[in-house]
Amino acid sequence: MTEVLSPDAKGIARAAALLSQGALVAIPTETVYGLAGDARSDQAVAAIYTAKGRPSFNPLIVHLAKTDQAALYAHVSDQARALMAAFWPGPLTLVLPLHDGAGLSPLVTAGLPSVALRQPAHRLAQALLTAFDGPLAAPSANPSGRVSSTTATHVLDGLSGRIAAVLDGGACTVGVESTIIGLADGPPRLLRPGGIGVEEIEGVLGQKLATAGEGITAPGQLASHYAPGAGVVLNATERPKGAIWVGFGPKCAGADLNLSVVGSLTDAACNLFDMLRKADALAGPGGQIAFAPVPRDGLGLAINDRLQRAAAPR
C-alpha cells in the first residue's frame, strides 16, 4: 500500500525516513508532483525508472535544498549564477556540466556529461530536502508518457502500490513543469519551456536563447509525452463532432471544459493537467479531446509545448 503522508512535521519526518531507506516518495512542488528518490543511490534511481516505466535514456532532474549546493554536483558558470539569483528557488531547471566525482548515480544523468539541477520553491519540498539532507532525483510522479500529476490523488491514480508514499501538499500552484535551460555547452539553450517565461530568462541573460539541438539532453524532450488515453486535436475553434472540447477564454462559451474562462495563461497552466484528466474521463476509450487555440507568449509557450506532445503519435 502507498502511504498518504500529512503536510506537517510528522509527514515530513516519515518521508525523509523512507527516502533514507531507498524508498520512493511522491512530493509536491510548485510545478507538479515529483517522484523522489535518493539521487546518490543506484537502487533508488533504478526504482524510479521502474515505477514510472520511464526509458533509461531520459535523464532526471536533481532537486536541491539550497542554491550553493549546485556547485557540489556541477560546474556553475556566471550565467548559471545569474539565473539562480533571479529564479531560484522556483520553476527553473539548469543543465550544467557534471562534476567528476559528484557522487550522483550515473542513472540520473542517463550517461550524459551534464546534470539537470533545480531548487524548488514549495515549502514542503524545501522542508523535506532539508530534513533528508541530500539531493533528490524527482521526475514527474506519473507513469511515463502520461499526464503529469498536480494533486496527490492524481499520483495515486497512476502509481498507487508502486511507491512507498505520497506527501500530500494539495494542488500545485504553477501546474506545468519547470523551464529547462541548457548551459552545458555552447550558448544558453531553451531545452523545455515551462513555469518561467522565456522573455524573463532572456532579460536576465541579456541575449536570446538558442533552440535545443538533436537528441535527448534533458527531461521532457520526448516527442510523445503528457498523453491521455483519448486522442488529442489542437487549435479547434469549435467543437469537432463527437469530441470533448476544451476551450480557452470567454469566446469558448460552449466548451465542455475551459482552461481559463477569463483567458488567463497563469490559470490555464495551473489547470492544464487536471483538465486533461477530466477531458479524458469524459471522452472515454477511443474518444477524442479538442483544445482551443492558446496564445504562445509567456506561459502559453509551455502550455502549447505540453499539448503538442500530448497530441503527438504514440
C-alpha atoms as a PDB file:
ATOM      1  CA  MET A   1       0.000   0.000   0.000  1.00  0.00           C
ATOM      2  CA  THR A   2       1.120   3.542  -0.733  1.00  0.00           C
ATOM      3  CA  GLU A   3       1.029   5.708   2.390  1.00  0.00           C
ATOM      4  CA  VAL A   4      -0.537   9.176   2.226  1.00  0.00           C
ATOM      5  CA  LEU A   5       1.519  11.459   4.467  1.00  0.00           C
ATOM      6  CA  SER A   6       0.181  14.626   6.062  1.00  0.00           C
ATOM      7  CA  PRO A   7       1.753  18.025   5.238  1.00  0.00           C
ATOM      8  CA  ASP A   8       3.234  18.518   8.708  1.00  0.00           C
ATOM      9  CA  ALA A   9       6.393  17.752  10.671  1.00  0.00           C
ATOM     10  CA  LYS A  10       5.334  14.126  11.197  1.00  0.00           C
ATOM     11  CA  GLY A  11       4.672  13.589   7.489  1.00  0.00           C
ATOM     12  CA  ILE A  12       7.957  15.230   6.509  1.00  0.00           C
ATOM     13  CA  ALA A  13       9.910  13.111   9.003  1.00  0.00           C
ATOM     14  CA  ARG A  14       8.272   9.924   7.706  1.00  0.00           C
ATOM     15  CA  ALA A  15       9.001  10.893   4.096  1.00  0.00           C
ATOM     16  CA  ALA A  16      12.658  11.631   4.918  1.00  0.00           C
ATOM     17  CA  ALA A  17      12.985   8.282   6.712  1.00  0.00           C
ATOM     18  CA  LEU A  18      11.545   6.365   3.752  1.00  0.00           C
ATOM     19  CA  LEU A  19      13.853   8.167   1.316  1.00  0.00           C
ATOM     20  CA  SER A  20      16.851   7.383   3.540  1.00  0.00           C
ATOM     21  CA  GLN A  21      15.881   3.699   3.298  1.00  0.00           C
ATOM     22  CA  GLY A  22      15.969   3.875  -0.507  1.00  0.00           C
ATOM     23  CA  ALA A  23      12.194   4.014  -0.939  1.00  0.00           C
ATOM     24  CA  LEU A  24      10.301   6.330  -3.315  1.00  0.00           C
ATOM     25  CA  VAL A  25       8.065   9.179  -2.149  1.00  0.00           C
ATOM     26  CA  ALA A  26       5.941  11.432  -4.354  1.00  0.00           C
ATOM     27  CA  ILE A  27       6.360  15.031  -3.228  1.00  0.00           C
ATOM     28  CA  PRO A  28       4.609  18.292  -4.068  1.00  0.00           C
ATOM     29  CA  THR A  29       6.469  21.083  -5.800  1.00  0.00           C
ATOM     30  CA  GLU A  30       5.128  24.368  -7.133  1.00  0.00           C
ATOM     31  CA  THR A  31       5.109  22.879 -10.662  1.00  0.00           C
ATOM     32  CA  VAL A  32       3.869  19.266 -10.456  1.00  0.00           C
ATOM     33  CA  TYR A  33       4.301  16.363  -8.035  1.00  0.00           C
ATOM     34  CA  GLY A  34       7.700  14.701  -8.329  1.00  0.00           C
ATOM     35  CA  LEU A  35       8.591  11.059  -7.722  1.00  0.00           C
ATOM     36  CA  ALA A  36      11.556  11.425  -5.398  1.00  0.00           C
ATOM     37  CA  GLY A  37      14.392   9.058  -4.641  1.00  0.00           C
ATOM     38  CA  ASP A  38      17.943   9.444  -3.356  1.00  0.00           C
ATOM     39  CA  ALA A  39      19.916  10.768  -6.334  1.00  0.00           C
ATOM     40  CA  ARG A  40      23.088   9.127  -4.978  1.00  0.00           C
ATOM     41  CA  SER A  41      21.616   5.620  -4.887  1.00  0.00           C
ATOM     42  CA  ASP A  42      21.641   3.414  -7.979  1.00  0.00           C
ATOM     43  CA  GLN A  43      18.923   1.264  -6.414  1.00  0.00           C
ATOM     44  CA  ALA A  44      16.611   4.205  -5.658  1.00  0.00           C
ATOM     45  CA  VAL A  45      17.084   5.814  -9.079  1.00  0.00           C
ATOM     46  CA  ALA A  46      16.555   2.486 -10.843  1.00  0.00           C
ATOM     47  CA  ALA A  47      13.330   2.107  -8.839  1.00  0.00           C
ATOM     48  CA  ILE A  48      12.134   5.484 -10.186  1.00  0.00           C
ATOM     49  CA  TYR A  49      12.590   4.296 -13.775  1.00  0.00           C
ATOM     50  CA  THR A  50      10.824   1.028 -12.954  1.00  0.00           C
ATOM     51  CA  ALA A  51       7.864   2.614 -11.140  1.00  0.00           C
ATOM     52  CA  LYS A  52       7.261   5.081 -13.976  1.00  0.00           C
ATOM     53  CA  GLY A  53       8.133   2.737 -16.828  1.00  0.00           C
ATOM     54  CA  ARG A  54      10.488   5.509 -17.937  1.00  0.00           C
ATOM     55  CA  PRO A  55      13.074   4.971 -20.697  1.00  0.00           C
ATOM     56  CA  SER A  56      16.562   4.791 -19.194  1.00  0.00           C
ATOM     57  CA  PHE A  57      17.929   7.245 -21.792  1.00  0.00           C
ATOM     58  CA  ASN A  58      15.697  10.013 -20.386  1.00  0.00           C
ATOM     59  CA  PRO A  59      17.662  11.886 -17.666  1.00  0.00           C
ATOM     60  CA  LEU A  60      16.221  13.072 -14.354  1.00  0.00           C
ATOM     61  CA  ILE A  61      16.194  16.428 -12.539  1.00  0.00           C
ATOM     62  CA  VAL A  62      18.081  16.601  -9.238  1.00  0.00           C
ATOM     63  CA  HIS A  63      16.355  18.745  -6.606  1.00  0.00           C
ATOM     64  CA  LEU A  64      18.398  20.705  -4.067  1.00  0.00           C
ATOM     65  CA  ALA A  65      17.608  22.376  -0.748  1.00  0.00           C
ATOM     66  CA  LYS A  66      19.996  25.327  -1.245  1.00  0.00           C
ATOM     67  CA  THR A  67      21.406  27.240  -4.197  1.00  0.00           C
ATOM     68  CA  ASP A  68      25.030  26.816  -3.150  1.00  0.00           C
ATOM     69  CA  GLN A  69      24.658  23.008  -3.301  1.00  0.00           C
ATOM     70  CA  ALA A  70      24.684  23.200  -7.100  1.00  0.00           C
ATOM     71  CA  ALA A  71      28.465  23.584  -7.034  1.00  0.00           C
ATOM     72  CA  LEU A  72      28.757  20.176  -5.340  1.00  0.00           C
ATOM     73  CA  TYR A  73      27.456  18.443  -8.450  1.00  0.00           C
ATOM     74  CA  ALA A  74      28.137  20.722 -11.411  1.00  0.00           C
ATOM     75  CA  HIS A  75      30.387  23.442 -12.805  1.00  0.00           C
ATOM     76  CA  VAL A  76      28.457  26.673 -12.207  1.00  0.00           C
ATOM     77  CA  SER A  77      29.131  29.469 -14.696  1.00  0.00           C
ATOM     78  CA  ASP A  78      28.468  33.170 -14.238  1.00  0.00           C
ATOM     79  CA  GLN A  79      25.359  32.831 -16.415  1.00  0.00           C
ATOM     80  CA  ALA A  80      24.095  29.999 -14.229  1.00  0.00           C
ATOM     81  CA  ARG A  81      24.691  32.078 -11.077  1.00  0.00           C
ATOM     82  CA  ALA A  82      22.743  34.977 -12.583  1.00  0.00           C
ATOM     83  CA  LEU A  83      19.770  32.737 -13.354  1.00  0.00           C
ATOM     84  CA  MET A  84      19.905  31.110  -9.922  1.00  0.00           C
ATOM     85  CA  ALA A  85      19.930  34.527  -8.259  1.00  0.00           C
ATOM     86  CA  ALA A  86      16.908  35.608 -10.287  1.00  0.00           C
ATOM     87  CA  PHE A  87      14.758  32.463 -10.238  1.00  0.00           C
ATOM     88  CA  TRP A  88      15.855  30.031  -7.510  1.00  0.00           C
ATOM     89  CA  PRO A  89      14.015  28.748  -5.618  1.00  0.00           C
ATOM     90  CA  GLY A  90      11.449  28.404  -8.387  1.00  0.00           C
ATOM     91  CA  PRO A  91      10.371  26.611 -11.566  1.00  0.00           C
ATOM     92  CA  LEU A  92      13.714  26.792 -13.402  1.00  0.00           C
ATOM     93  CA  THR A  93      15.998  23.825 -14.122  1.00  0.00           C
ATOM     94  CA  LEU A  94      19.571  24.347 -15.299  1.00  0.00           C
ATOM     95  CA  VAL A  95      21.507  21.712 -17.227  1.00  0.00           C
ATOM     96  CA  LEU A  96      25.161  22.154 -16.285  1.00  0.00           C
ATOM     97  CA  PRO A  97      28.458  20.289 -16.841  1.00  0.00           C
ATOM     98  CA  LEU A  98      28.682  17.403 -14.376  1.00  0.00           C
ATOM     99  CA  HIS A  99      31.473  17.413 -11.793  1.00  0.00           C
ATOM    100  CA  ASP A 100      33.797  14.430 -11.818  1.00  0.00           C
ATOM    101  CA  GLY A 101      33.187  12.601  -8.583  1.00  0.00           C
ATOM    102  CA  ALA A 102      29.874  14.366  -7.960  1.00  0.00           C
ATOM    103  CA  GLY A 103      28.588  11.283  -6.177  1.00  0.00           C
ATOM    104  CA  LEU A 104      25.334  11.076  -8.119  1.00  0.00           C
ATOM    105  CA  SER A 105      24.103   7.815  -9.560  1.00  0.00           C
ATOM    106  CA  PRO A 106      25.044   7.667 -13.278  1.00  0.00           C
ATOM    107  CA  LEU A 107      21.440   6.601 -13.900  1.00  0.00           C
ATOM    108  CA  VAL A 108      20.362  10.158 -13.004  1.00  0.00           C
ATOM    109  CA  THR A 109      22.211  11.668 -15.958  1.00  0.00           C
ATOM    110  CA  ALA A 110      21.481   8.753 -18.335  1.00  0.00           C
ATOM    111  CA  GLY A 111      25.205   8.625 -19.064  1.00  0.00           C
ATOM    112  CA  LEU A 112      25.418  12.254 -20.197  1.00  0.00           C
ATOM    113  CA  PRO A 113      28.284  14.556 -19.091  1.00  0.00           C
ATOM    114  CA  SER A 114      25.731  17.050 -17.740  1.00  0.00           C
ATOM    115  CA  VAL A 115      23.218  17.180 -14.897  1.00  0.00           C
ATOM    116  CA  ALA A 116      19.854  18.941 -14.526  1.00  0.00           C
ATOM    117  CA  LEU A 117      19.504  20.840 -11.234  1.00  0.00           C
ATOM    118  CA  ARG A 118      16.624  22.696  -9.593  1.00  0.00           C
ATOM    119  CA  GLN A 119      15.798  24.286  -6.241  1.00  0.00           C
ATOM    120  CA  PRO A 120      12.007  24.023  -5.781  1.00  0.00           C
ATOM    121  CA  ALA A 121      10.048  26.785  -4.079  1.00  0.00           C
ATOM    122  CA  HIS A 122       7.296  24.657  -2.471  1.00  0.00           C
ATOM    123  CA  ARG A 123       7.569  24.850   1.321  1.00  0.00           C
ATOM    124  CA  LEU A 124       7.064  21.087   1.792  1.00  0.00           C
ATOM    125  CA  ALA A 125       9.648  20.233  -0.849  1.00  0.00           C
ATOM    126  CA  GLN A 126      12.123  22.595   0.796  1.00  0.00           C
ATOM    127  CA  ALA A 127      11.394  21.199   4.260  1.00  0.00           C
ATOM    128  CA  LEU A 128      11.787  17.617   3.043  1.00  0.00           C
ATOM    129  CA  LEU A 129      15.033  18.319   1.196  1.00  0.00           C
ATOM    130  CA  THR A 130      16.419  19.907   4.371  1.00  0.00           C
ATOM    131  CA  ALA A 131      15.262  17.002   6.536  1.00  0.00           C
ATOM    132  CA  PHE A 132      16.613  14.406   4.089  1.00  0.00           C
ATOM    133  CA  ASP A 133      19.891  16.350   3.792  1.00  0.00           C
ATOM    134  CA  GLY A 134      20.744  15.205   0.298  1.00  0.00           C
ATOM    135  CA  PRO A 135      19.888  15.530  -3.401  1.00  0.00           C
ATOM    136  CA  LEU A 136      16.640  14.014  -4.653  1.00  0.00           C
ATOM    137  CA  ALA A 137      16.045  12.832  -8.195  1.00  0.00           C
ATOM    138  CA  ALA A 138      12.400  13.604  -8.908  1.00  0.00           C
ATOM    139  CA  PRO A 139      10.752  13.341 -12.333  1.00  0.00           C
ATOM    140  CA  SER A 140       7.009  13.915 -12.527  1.00  0.00           C
ATOM    141  CA  ALA A 141       5.030  11.439 -10.403  1.00  0.00           C
ATOM    142  CA  ASN A 142       3.066   9.657 -13.116  1.00  0.00           C
ATOM    143  CA  PRO A 143       3.518   6.683 -15.452  1.00  0.00           C
ATOM    144  CA  SER A 144       5.948   7.640 -18.205  1.00  0.00           C
ATOM    145  CA  GLY A 145       4.379   9.474 -21.117  1.00  0.00           C
ATOM    146  CA  ARG A 146       1.063  10.044 -19.335  1.00  0.00           C
ATOM    147  CA  VAL A 147      -0.494  13.174 -17.866  1.00  0.00           C
ATOM    148  CA  SER A 148       1.539  14.782 -15.062  1.00  0.00           C
ATOM    149  CA  SER A 149       0.150  14.905 -11.515  1.00  0.00           C
ATOM    150  CA  THR A 150      -0.834  18.156  -9.823  1.00  0.00           C
ATOM    151  CA  THR A 151      -2.591  16.603  -6.783  1.00  0.00           C
ATOM    152  CA  ALA A 152      -1.885  13.635  -4.508  1.00  0.00           C
ATOM    153  CA  THR A 153      -4.996  11.934  -5.925  1.00  0.00           C
ATOM    154  CA  HIS A 154      -3.506  12.145  -9.425  1.00  0.00           C
ATOM    155  CA  VAL A 155      -0.349  10.458  -8.114  1.00  0.00           C
ATOM    156  CA  LEU A 156      -2.317   7.611  -6.578  1.00  0.00           C
ATOM    157  CA  ASP A 157      -4.342   7.160  -9.766  1.00  0.00           C
ATOM    158  CA  GLY A 158      -1.169   6.226 -11.632  1.00  0.00           C
ATOM    159  CA  LEU A 159       1.330   4.951  -9.060  1.00  0.00           C
ATOM    160  CA  SER A 160      -0.606   3.518  -6.095  1.00  0.00           C
ATOM    161  CA  GLY A 161       1.081   0.321  -4.962  1.00  0.00           C
ATOM    162  CA  ARG A 162       4.261   1.081  -6.925  1.00  0.00           C
ATOM    163  CA  ILE A 163       5.748   3.620  -4.490  1.00  0.00           C
ATOM    164  CA  ALA A 164       6.087   3.844  -0.706  1.00  0.00           C
ATOM    165  CA  ALA A 165       4.263   7.103  -0.056  1.00  0.00           C
ATOM    166  CA  VAL A 166       2.940  10.426  -1.277  1.00  0.00           C
ATOM    167  CA  LEU A 167       3.339  13.622   0.740  1.00  0.00           C
ATOM    168  CA  ASP A 168       0.015  15.411   0.269  1.00  0.00           C
ATOM    169  CA  GLY A 169       0.629  19.108  -0.268  1.00  0.00           C
ATOM    170  CA  GLY A 170      -2.644  19.907  -2.026  1.00  0.00           C
ATOM    171  CA  ALA A 171      -2.841  21.241  -5.575  1.00  0.00           C
ATOM    172  CA  CYS A 172       0.289  22.598  -7.274  1.00  0.00           C
ATOM    173  CA  THR A 173       0.207  26.338  -7.910  1.00  0.00           C
ATOM    174  CA  VAL A 174       2.123  26.581 -11.223  1.00  0.00           C
ATOM    175  CA  GLY A 175       0.787  23.413 -12.828  1.00  0.00           C
ATOM    176  CA  VAL A 176       3.338  22.885 -15.631  1.00  0.00           C
ATOM    177  CA  GLU A 177       6.864  21.613 -15.239  1.00  0.00           C
ATOM    178  CA  SER A 178       9.919  23.813 -14.849  1.00  0.00           C
ATOM    179  CA  THR A 179      11.561  25.670 -17.697  1.00  0.00           C
ATOM    180  CA  ILE A 180      14.829  23.921 -18.615  1.00  0.00           C
ATOM    181  CA  ILE A 181      17.830  25.924 -19.814  1.00  0.00           C
ATOM    182  CA  GLY A 182      20.940  24.210 -21.168  1.00  0.00           C
ATOM    183  CA  LEU A 183      24.250  25.740 -20.102  1.00  0.00           C
ATOM    184  CA  ALA A 184      26.427  22.654 -20.529  1.00  0.00           C
ATOM    185  CA  ASP A 185      27.991  23.695 -23.838  1.00  0.00           C
ATOM    186  CA  GLY A 186      27.645  26.485 -26.379  1.00  0.00           C
ATOM    187  CA  PRO A 187      25.163  29.362 -25.961  1.00  0.00           C
ATOM    188  CA  PRO A 188      22.282  29.138 -23.464  1.00  0.00           C
ATOM    189  CA  ARG A 189      19.548  26.931 -24.942  1.00  0.00           C
ATOM    190  CA  LEU A 190      15.852  26.539 -24.274  1.00  0.00           C
ATOM    191  CA  LEU A 191      15.524  22.779 -23.754  1.00  0.00           C
ATOM    192  CA  ARG A 192      11.937  22.878 -22.452  1.00  0.00           C
ATOM    193  CA  PRO A 193       9.538  25.798 -21.940  1.00  0.00           C
ATOM    194  CA  GLY A 194       7.901  25.814 -18.537  1.00  0.00           C
ATOM    195  CA  GLY A 195       6.892  27.780 -15.478  1.00  0.00           C
ATOM    196  CA  ILE A 196       9.139  30.793 -16.163  1.00  0.00           C
ATOM    197  CA  GLY A 197       8.708  32.715 -19.392  1.00  0.00           C
ATOM    198  CA  VAL A 198      11.466  32.769 -21.984  1.00  0.00           C
ATOM    199  CA  GLU A 199      11.321  36.568 -22.075  1.00  0.00           C
ATOM    200  CA  GLU A 200      12.174  36.789 -18.368  1.00  0.00           C
ATOM    201  CA  ILE A 201      15.163  34.487 -18.752  1.00  0.00           C
ATOM    202  CA  GLU A 202      16.461  36.336 -21.803  1.00  0.00           C
ATOM    203  CA  GLY A 203      16.123  39.581 -19.856  1.00  0.00           C
ATOM    204  CA  VAL A 204      18.465  38.282 -17.134  1.00  0.00           C
ATOM    205  CA  LEU A 205      20.959  36.826 -19.622  1.00  0.00           C
ATOM    206  CA  GLY A 206      20.854  39.840 -21.935  1.00  0.00           C
ATOM    207  CA  GLN A 207      20.657  37.597 -25.001  1.00  0.00           C
ATOM    208  CA  LYS A 208      18.260  35.408 -26.947  1.00  0.00           C
ATOM    209  CA  LEU A 209      18.097  31.722 -26.122  1.00  0.00           C
ATOM    210  CA  ALA A 210      19.208  29.241 -28.751  1.00  0.00           C
ATOM    211  CA  THR A 211      16.939  26.321 -29.601  1.00  0.00           C
ATOM    212  CA  ALA A 212      17.519  22.754 -28.446  1.00  0.00           C
ATOM    213  CA  GLY A 213      19.730  20.558 -30.595  1.00  0.00           C
ATOM    214  CA  GLU A 214      19.149  16.962 -31.676  1.00  0.00           C
ATOM    215  CA  GLY A 215      18.806  14.113 -29.199  1.00  0.00           C
ATOM    216  CA  ILE A 216      17.608  13.859 -25.596  1.00  0.00           C
ATOM    217  CA  THR A 217      19.701  16.126 -23.388  1.00  0.00           C
ATOM    218  CA  ALA A 218      17.137  16.972 -20.692  1.00  0.00           C
ATOM    219  CA  PRO A 219      13.873  15.672 -19.212  1.00  0.00           C
ATOM    220  CA  GLY A 220      10.608  16.372 -21.040  1.00  0.00           C
ATOM    221  CA  GLN A 221      12.008  16.203 -24.580  1.00  0.00           C
ATOM    222  CA  LEU A 222      10.282  13.017 -25.756  1.00  0.00           C
ATOM    223  CA  ALA A 223       8.088  13.732 -28.782  1.00  0.00           C
ATOM    224  CA  SER A 224       5.095  11.930 -27.241  1.00  0.00           C
ATOM    225  CA  HIS A 225       4.546  12.876 -23.623  1.00  0.00           C
ATOM    226  CA  TYR A 226       1.802  14.020 -21.212  1.00  0.00           C
ATOM    227  CA  ALA A 227      -0.659  11.878 -23.212  1.00  0.00           C
ATOM    228  CA  PRO A 228      -4.199  10.996 -22.070  1.00  0.00           C
ATOM    229  CA  GLY A 229      -5.902   7.822 -23.239  1.00  0.00           C
ATOM    230  CA  ALA A 230      -8.054   9.704 -25.760  1.00  0.00           C
ATOM    231  CA  GLY A 231      -6.697  11.252 -28.942  1.00  0.00           C
ATOM    232  CA  VAL A 232      -5.837  14.963 -28.850  1.00  0.00           C
ATOM    233  CA  VAL A 233      -6.595  17.588 -31.521  1.00  0.00           C
ATOM    234  CA  LEU A 234      -5.227  21.135 -31.276  1.00  0.00           C
ATOM    235  CA  ASN A 235      -6.368  24.619 -32.302  1.00  0.00           C
ATOM    236  CA  ALA A 236     -10.070  23.735 -32.518  1.00  0.00           C
ATOM    237  CA  THR A 237     -12.075  26.958 -32.763  1.00  0.00           C
ATOM    238  CA  GLU A 238     -15.317  24.997 -32.396  1.00  0.00           C
ATOM    239  CA  ARG A 239     -16.320  21.571 -31.170  1.00  0.00           C
ATOM    240  CA  PRO A 240     -15.441  18.767 -33.630  1.00  0.00           C
ATOM    241  CA  LYS A 241     -18.183  16.197 -33.967  1.00  0.00           C
ATOM    242  CA  GLY A 242     -18.079  13.673 -31.146  1.00  0.00           C
ATOM    243  CA  ALA A 243     -15.140  15.296 -29.347  1.00  0.00           C
ATOM    244  CA  ILE A 244     -14.798  16.804 -25.891  1.00  0.00           C
ATOM    245  CA  TRP A 245     -13.931  20.458 -26.448  1.00  0.00           C
ATOM    246  CA  VAL A 246     -11.608  22.226 -24.011  1.00  0.00           C
ATOM    247  CA  GLY A 247     -11.791  25.973 -24.501  1.00  0.00           C
ATOM    248  CA  PHE A 248      -9.640  28.918 -23.569  1.00  0.00           C
ATOM    249  CA  GLY A 249     -11.124  32.321 -22.833  1.00  0.00           C
ATOM    250  CA  PRO A 250     -14.616  33.824 -22.954  1.00  0.00           C
ATOM    251  CA  LYS A 251     -15.171  33.113 -26.678  1.00  0.00           C
ATOM    252  CA  CYS A 252     -15.466  29.364 -25.930  1.00  0.00           C
ATOM    253  CA  ALA A 253     -18.732  29.582 -24.011  1.00  0.00           C
ATOM    254  CA  GLY A 254     -19.991  26.274 -25.409  1.00  0.00           C
ATOM    255  CA  ALA A 255     -16.924  24.249 -24.415  1.00  0.00           C
ATOM    256  CA  ASP A 256     -17.249  21.207 -22.146  1.00  0.00           C
ATOM    257  CA  LEU A 257     -14.303  22.465 -20.106  1.00  0.00           C
ATOM    258  CA  ASN A 258     -12.301  25.696 -20.154  1.00  0.00           C
ATOM    259  CA  LEU A 259      -8.629  26.130 -19.236  1.00  0.00           C
ATOM    260  CA  SER A 260      -9.435  29.697 -18.189  1.00  0.00           C
ATOM    261  CA  VAL A 261     -12.811  31.345 -18.754  1.00  0.00           C
ATOM    262  CA  VAL A 262     -11.189  34.780 -18.406  1.00  0.00           C
ATOM    263  CA  GLY A 263      -8.270  33.939 -20.711  1.00  0.00           C
ATOM    264  CA  SER A 264      -5.537  33.874 -18.039  1.00  0.00           C
ATOM    265  CA  LEU A 265      -2.430  31.934 -19.072  1.00  0.00           C
ATOM    266  CA  THR A 266      -1.485  31.559 -15.402  1.00  0.00           C
ATOM    267  CA  ASP A 267      -4.830  29.905 -14.649  1.00  0.00           C
ATOM    268  CA  ALA A 268      -4.584  27.793 -17.814  1.00  0.00           C
ATOM    269  CA  ALA A 269      -1.157  26.461 -16.845  1.00  0.00           C
ATOM    270  CA  CYS A 270      -2.385  25.621 -13.347  1.00  0.00           C
ATOM    271  CA  ASN A 271      -5.450  23.835 -14.752  1.00  0.00           C
ATOM    272  CA  LEU A 272      -3.864  22.082 -17.743  1.00  0.00           C
ATOM    273  CA  PHE A 273      -3.109  18.605 -16.421  1.00  0.00           C
ATOM    274  CA  ASP A 274      -6.265  18.398 -14.315  1.00  0.00           C
ATOM    275  CA  MET A 275      -8.312  19.401 -17.389  1.00  0.00           C
ATOM    276  CA  LEU A 276      -6.535  16.763 -19.482  1.00  0.00           C
ATOM    277  CA  ARG A 277      -7.535  14.125 -16.946  1.00  0.00           C
ATOM    278  CA  LYS A 278     -11.140  15.338 -16.736  1.00  0.00           C
ATOM    279  CA  ALA A 279     -11.474  15.551 -20.525  1.00  0.00           C
ATOM    280  CA  ASP A 280     -10.013  12.063 -20.861  1.00  0.00           C
ATOM    281  CA  ALA A 281     -12.630  10.697 -18.463  1.00  0.00           C
ATOM    282  CA  LEU A 282     -15.422  12.441 -20.406  1.00  0.00           C
ATOM    283  CA  ALA A 283     -14.107  11.276 -23.792  1.00  0.00           C
ATOM    284  CA  GLY A 284     -13.803   7.645 -22.760  1.00  0.00           C
ATOM    285  CA  PRO A 285     -11.904   4.841 -24.543  1.00  0.00           C
ATOM    286  CA  GLY A 286     -11.328   5.632 -28.206  1.00  0.00           C
ATOM    287  CA  GLY A 287     -12.619   9.172 -27.738  1.00  0.00           C
ATOM    288  CA  GLN A 288     -11.151  12.493 -28.765  1.00  0.00           C
ATOM    289  CA  ILE A 289     -10.265  15.724 -26.972  1.00  0.00           C
ATOM    290  CA  ALA A 290     -10.086  19.012 -28.907  1.00  0.00           C
ATOM    291  CA  PHE A 291      -8.271  22.027 -27.452  1.00  0.00           C
ATOM    292  CA  ALA A 292      -8.988  25.598 -28.448  1.00  0.00           C
ATOM    293  CA  PRO A 293      -6.017  27.773 -29.509  1.00  0.00           C
ATOM    294  CA  VAL A 294      -3.871  29.120 -26.673  1.00  0.00           C
ATOM    295  CA  PRO A 295      -1.612  32.165 -27.179  1.00  0.00           C
ATOM    296  CA  ARG A 296       2.077  31.274 -27.482  1.00  0.00           C
ATOM    297  CA  ASP A 297       3.536  34.074 -25.362  1.00  0.00           C
ATOM    298  CA  GLY A 298       4.705  33.767 -21.735  1.00  0.00           C
ATOM    299  CA  LEU A 299       3.335  30.628 -20.080  1.00  0.00           C
ATOM    300  CA  GLY A 300       1.441  29.926 -23.287  1.00  0.00           C
ATOM    301  CA  LEU A 301       4.674  28.600 -24.809  1.00  0.00           C
ATOM    302  CA  ALA A 302       4.846  25.898 -22.117  1.00  0.00           C
ATOM    303  CA  ILE A 303       1.123  25.097 -22.426  1.00  0.00           C
ATOM    304  CA  ASN A 304       1.414  24.652 -26.199  1.00  0.00           C
ATOM    305  CA  ASP A 305       4.533  22.524 -25.788  1.00  0.00           C
ATOM    306  CA  ARG A 306       2.675  20.125 -23.464  1.00  0.00           C
ATOM    307  CA  LEU A 307      -0.371  19.990 -25.733  1.00  0.00           C
ATOM    308  CA  GLN A 308       1.744  19.278 -28.812  1.00  0.00           C
ATOM    309  CA  ARG A 309       3.451  16.388 -27.042  1.00  0.00           C
ATOM    310  CA  ALA A 310       0.080  15.098 -25.810  1.00  0.00           C
ATOM    311  CA  ALA A 311      -1.186  15.144 -29.394  1.00  0.00           C
ATOM    312  CA  ALA A 312       1.913  13.512 -30.929  1.00  0.00           C
ATOM    313  CA  PRO A 313       1.689   9.998 -32.458  1.00  0.00           C
ATOM    314  CA  ARG A 314       2.237   7.348 -29.767  1.00  0.00           C
END
